[in-house]
Protein backbone atom coordinates (compact mmCIF):
# COMPACT_ATOMS: atom_id res chain seq x y z
CA UNK A 1 109.51 99.45 86.78
CA UNK A 2 108.69 97.16 83.85
CA UNK A 3 107.71 98.48 80.45
CA UNK A 4 104.17 97.20 80.97
CA UNK A 5 103.66 99.24 84.12
CA UNK A 6 102.39 102.80 83.75
CA UNK A 7 104.01 105.57 85.73
CA UNK A 8 102.29 106.13 89.09
CA UNK A 9 100.18 109.27 89.28
CA UNK A 10 101.27 112.11 91.50
CA UNK A 11 98.80 113.42 94.07
CA UNK A 12 97.38 116.21 91.88
CA UNK A 13 96.95 113.95 88.85
CA UNK A 14 95.39 111.27 91.04
CA UNK A 15 92.93 113.80 92.48
CA UNK A 16 91.91 114.84 88.95
CA UNK A 17 91.52 111.20 87.88
CA UNK A 18 89.35 110.38 90.91
CA UNK A 19 87.18 113.45 90.32
CA UNK A 20 86.78 112.45 86.66
CA UNK A 21 85.62 109.02 87.83
CA UNK A 22 83.13 110.58 90.24
CA UNK A 23 81.79 112.95 87.57
CA UNK A 24 81.36 110.19 84.97
CA UNK A 25 80.05 107.74 87.58
CA UNK A 26 82.86 105.27 87.04
CA UNK A 27 82.81 105.74 90.79
CA UNK A 28 79.03 105.81 91.16
CA UNK A 29 77.02 107.68 93.80
CA UNK A 30 76.99 105.75 97.09
CA UNK A 31 79.64 103.31 95.84
CA UNK A 32 82.01 102.15 98.57
CA UNK A 33 85.61 103.32 98.27
CA UNK A 34 88.69 102.63 100.35
CA UNK A 35 92.41 103.28 100.40
CA UNK A 36 92.99 99.89 98.80
CA UNK A 37 90.40 100.44 96.08
CA UNK A 38 91.79 103.85 95.11
CA UNK A 39 95.39 102.68 95.42
CA UNK A 40 94.83 99.73 93.08
CA UNK A 41 92.61 101.54 90.62
CA UNK A 42 94.64 104.73 90.24
CA UNK A 43 98.11 103.27 90.90
CA UNK A 44 98.89 105.45 93.87
CA UNK A 45 100.30 104.68 97.29
CA UNK A 46 97.98 104.03 100.19
CA UNK A 47 99.25 107.17 101.93
CA UNK A 48 98.35 109.28 98.88
CA UNK A 49 94.98 107.52 98.67
CA UNK A 50 94.35 108.23 102.35
CA UNK A 51 95.19 111.92 101.96
CA UNK A 52 92.99 112.24 98.88
CA UNK A 53 90.10 110.54 100.64
CA UNK A 54 90.38 113.00 103.52
CA UNK A 55 90.42 115.89 101.03
CA UNK A 56 87.41 114.56 99.13
CA UNK A 57 85.45 113.96 102.34
CA UNK A 58 86.15 117.56 103.38
CA UNK A 59 84.84 118.73 100.00
CA UNK A 60 81.74 116.49 100.29
CA UNK A 61 82.55 114.34 97.24
CA UNK A 62 83.05 111.37 99.55
CA UNK A 63 81.02 110.65 102.68
CA UNK A 64 82.40 108.83 105.72
CA UNK A 65 79.51 106.85 107.20
CA UNK A 66 81.60 104.96 109.77
CA UNK A 67 85.28 104.56 110.66
CA UNK A 68 85.49 101.68 108.15
CA UNK A 69 83.04 102.76 105.43
CA UNK A 70 83.41 105.65 103.00
CA UNK A 71 81.06 106.16 100.07
CA UNK A 72 80.95 108.36 97.00
CA UNK A 73 78.62 111.22 97.92
CA UNK A 74 75.02 110.60 96.84
CA UNK A 75 73.54 112.66 94.04
CA UNK A 76 69.86 113.45 94.44
CA UNK A 77 67.42 116.12 93.33
CA UNK A 78 68.08 117.88 96.64
CA UNK A 79 71.80 118.14 95.85
CA UNK A 80 70.94 119.57 92.44
CA UNK A 81 68.58 122.19 93.88
CA UNK A 82 71.10 123.11 96.55
CA UNK A 83 73.94 123.46 94.04
CA UNK A 84 71.94 125.75 91.79
CA UNK A 85 70.64 127.79 94.72
CA UNK A 86 74.19 128.48 95.88
CA UNK A 87 75.52 129.15 92.39
CA UNK A 88 72.65 131.59 91.72
CA UNK A 89 73.74 133.52 94.81
CA UNK A 90 77.46 133.44 94.06
CA UNK A 91 78.07 133.48 90.31
CA UNK A 92 75.94 136.48 89.24
CA UNK A 93 77.76 138.67 91.73
CA UNK A 94 81.17 137.27 90.83
CA UNK A 95 80.55 137.89 87.12
CA UNK A 96 79.40 141.45 87.81
CA UNK A 97 82.43 142.10 90.01
CA UNK A 98 85.10 140.65 87.70
CA UNK A 99 83.81 141.77 84.27
CA UNK A 100 86.22 144.68 84.00
CA UNK A 101 89.24 142.42 84.50
CA UNK A 102 88.47 139.54 82.14
CA UNK A 103 90.22 138.46 78.94
CA UNK A 104 87.16 138.12 76.73
CA UNK A 105 89.15 136.88 73.74
CA UNK A 106 90.33 133.94 75.86
CA UNK A 107 86.81 133.26 77.14
CA UNK A 108 85.40 133.28 73.60
CA UNK A 109 88.23 130.98 72.44
CA UNK A 110 87.37 128.44 75.12
CA UNK A 111 83.67 128.77 74.33
CA UNK A 112 84.38 128.18 70.62
CA UNK A 113 86.36 125.08 71.58
CA UNK A 114 83.31 123.76 73.40
CA UNK A 115 81.15 124.41 70.34
CA UNK A 116 83.59 122.50 68.13
CA UNK A 117 83.22 119.41 70.32
CA UNK A 118 79.55 119.06 69.40
CA UNK A 119 77.78 116.81 68.67
CA UNK A 120 78.47 114.87 71.85
CA UNK A 121 79.10 111.36 70.57
CA UNK A 122 81.47 110.00 73.20
CA UNK A 123 82.09 110.15 76.93
CA UNK A 124 85.51 111.67 76.27
CA UNK A 125 83.91 114.61 74.44
CA UNK A 126 81.30 115.02 77.15
CA UNK A 127 83.92 115.19 79.88
CA UNK A 128 86.07 117.57 77.85
CA UNK A 129 83.10 119.92 77.39
CA UNK A 130 82.36 119.90 81.11
CA UNK A 131 85.99 120.63 81.96
CA UNK A 132 86.18 123.50 79.49
CA UNK A 133 83.00 124.99 80.90
CA UNK A 134 84.43 124.70 84.41
CA UNK A 135 87.66 126.35 83.19
CA UNK A 136 85.64 129.29 81.84
CA UNK A 137 83.80 129.78 85.12
CA UNK A 138 86.95 129.42 87.19
CA UNK A 139 88.80 131.92 84.96
CA UNK A 140 86.02 134.37 85.79
CA UNK A 141 86.00 133.54 89.50
CA UNK A 142 89.79 133.76 89.83
CA UNK A 143 89.63 137.50 89.11
CA UNK A 144 87.88 138.17 92.42
CA UNK A 145 91.21 137.97 94.20
CA UNK A 146 89.53 136.13 97.11
CA UNK A 147 91.03 132.63 97.56
CA UNK A 148 88.21 131.40 99.80
CA UNK A 149 85.57 132.45 97.29
CA UNK A 150 87.52 130.73 94.52
CA UNK A 151 87.62 127.52 96.59
CA UNK A 152 83.86 127.67 97.13
CA UNK A 153 83.26 128.29 93.45
CA UNK A 154 85.52 125.38 92.46
CA UNK A 155 83.64 122.99 94.73
CA UNK A 156 80.32 124.14 93.29
CA UNK A 157 81.62 123.79 89.73
CA UNK A 158 82.89 120.25 90.40
CA UNK A 159 79.45 119.32 91.72
CA UNK A 160 77.86 121.00 88.69
CA UNK A 161 79.93 118.72 86.46
CA UNK A 162 78.35 115.71 88.20
CA UNK A 163 74.91 117.21 87.60
CA UNK A 164 75.54 118.16 83.96
CA UNK A 165 76.79 114.65 83.28
CA UNK A 166 73.31 113.31 84.08
CA UNK A 167 71.74 115.60 81.51
CA UNK A 168 74.29 114.79 78.83
CA UNK A 169 73.76 111.05 79.29
CA UNK A 170 69.98 111.47 79.17
CA UNK A 171 69.83 113.88 76.23
CA UNK A 172 73.14 113.60 74.35
CA UNK A 173 73.33 117.37 74.58
CA UNK A 174 74.55 120.09 76.91
CA UNK A 175 72.03 121.77 79.24
CA UNK A 176 73.38 125.13 78.08
CA UNK A 177 74.53 126.42 74.68
CA UNK A 178 77.69 128.14 73.50
CA UNK A 179 75.47 130.85 72.02
CA UNK A 180 73.95 131.48 75.44
CA UNK A 181 77.43 131.62 76.96
CA UNK A 182 78.65 134.09 74.32
CA UNK A 183 75.63 136.32 74.99
CA UNK A 184 76.56 136.47 78.68
CA UNK A 185 80.09 137.52 77.73
CA UNK A 186 78.58 140.36 75.69
CA UNK A 187 76.58 141.52 78.73
CA UNK A 188 79.76 141.40 80.79
CA UNK A 189 81.64 143.51 78.24
CA UNK A 190 79.08 146.25 78.79
CA UNK A 191 80.18 146.57 82.44
CA UNK A 192 76.57 146.98 83.60
CA UNK A 193 76.53 145.02 86.89
CA UNK A 194 72.74 144.84 87.16
CA UNK A 195 72.33 143.42 83.64
CA UNK A 196 75.19 140.97 84.19
CA UNK A 197 73.67 139.65 87.41
CA UNK A 198 70.27 139.30 85.75
CA UNK A 199 71.67 137.50 82.68
CA UNK A 200 73.76 135.02 84.69
CA UNK A 201 70.93 134.30 87.12
CA UNK A 202 68.49 133.71 84.25
CA UNK A 203 70.95 131.41 82.47
CA UNK A 204 71.45 129.32 85.60
CA UNK A 205 67.69 129.16 86.22
CA UNK A 206 67.03 127.94 82.67
CA UNK A 207 69.77 125.32 82.96
CA UNK A 208 68.38 124.12 86.29
CA UNK A 209 64.90 123.77 84.78
CA UNK A 210 66.23 121.74 81.83
CA UNK A 211 68.13 119.39 84.10
CA UNK A 212 65.29 118.82 86.56
CA UNK A 213 62.81 118.27 83.71
CA UNK A 214 65.19 115.74 82.14
CA UNK A 215 65.57 113.91 85.45
CA UNK A 216 61.90 113.75 86.31
CA UNK A 217 60.92 112.65 82.80
CA UNK A 218 63.53 109.88 82.59
CA UNK A 219 62.79 106.45 84.06
CA UNK A 220 66.49 105.69 84.48
CA UNK A 221 66.65 108.31 87.26
CA UNK A 222 63.79 106.91 89.35
CA UNK A 223 66.12 106.03 92.20
CA UNK A 224 67.37 107.83 95.29
CA UNK A 225 70.78 108.26 93.69
CA UNK A 226 70.72 109.66 90.18
CA UNK A 227 72.83 107.09 88.36
CA UNK A 228 73.28 106.59 84.64
């Protein structure tokens, strides 16, 4: 390998890089993808690209519309409503269930790291914030001890990153605040399941409202796919 060639990505790193591109719309909603496109763009073998495409189709981040055509999954208001509806069912109960087992110092540290990345003045910062927020939610979900539930939560969180990206690009701000996140941690410390469920559900509802209001008040989103 010459000095000018970068080291090929392994499968896990390639998956992360492709998901980053989907979240930031470097691979835009409804854009055509193929083994060759992913192989060339992410410097991976065609066999790795094929396996990753199959994985991403199964997770609904890619859509196979024919044997020869695969697209990045569309992102519409319906997908946003569906994502929040499912997360409002799942996350409040997960947070209530796992509160007694969480490392709150670690959660607050990650939340403080998000706060330190504001203001959002670059795409790199925006993506870092979204990944840290996902890490917080997955750290909470991992304490359920149920692998299938964790997989569902991860898929919902990855889709949420795509949705939050729209808001950040429209408003140069997060649709949720670190202060709001810290307040939820305080509810969880109290080990009152009913209050935890209520607080998490309310936080998700407020975030959903902010995002939908931003979308429907922004001319750049007046398309079937919500592209930035």
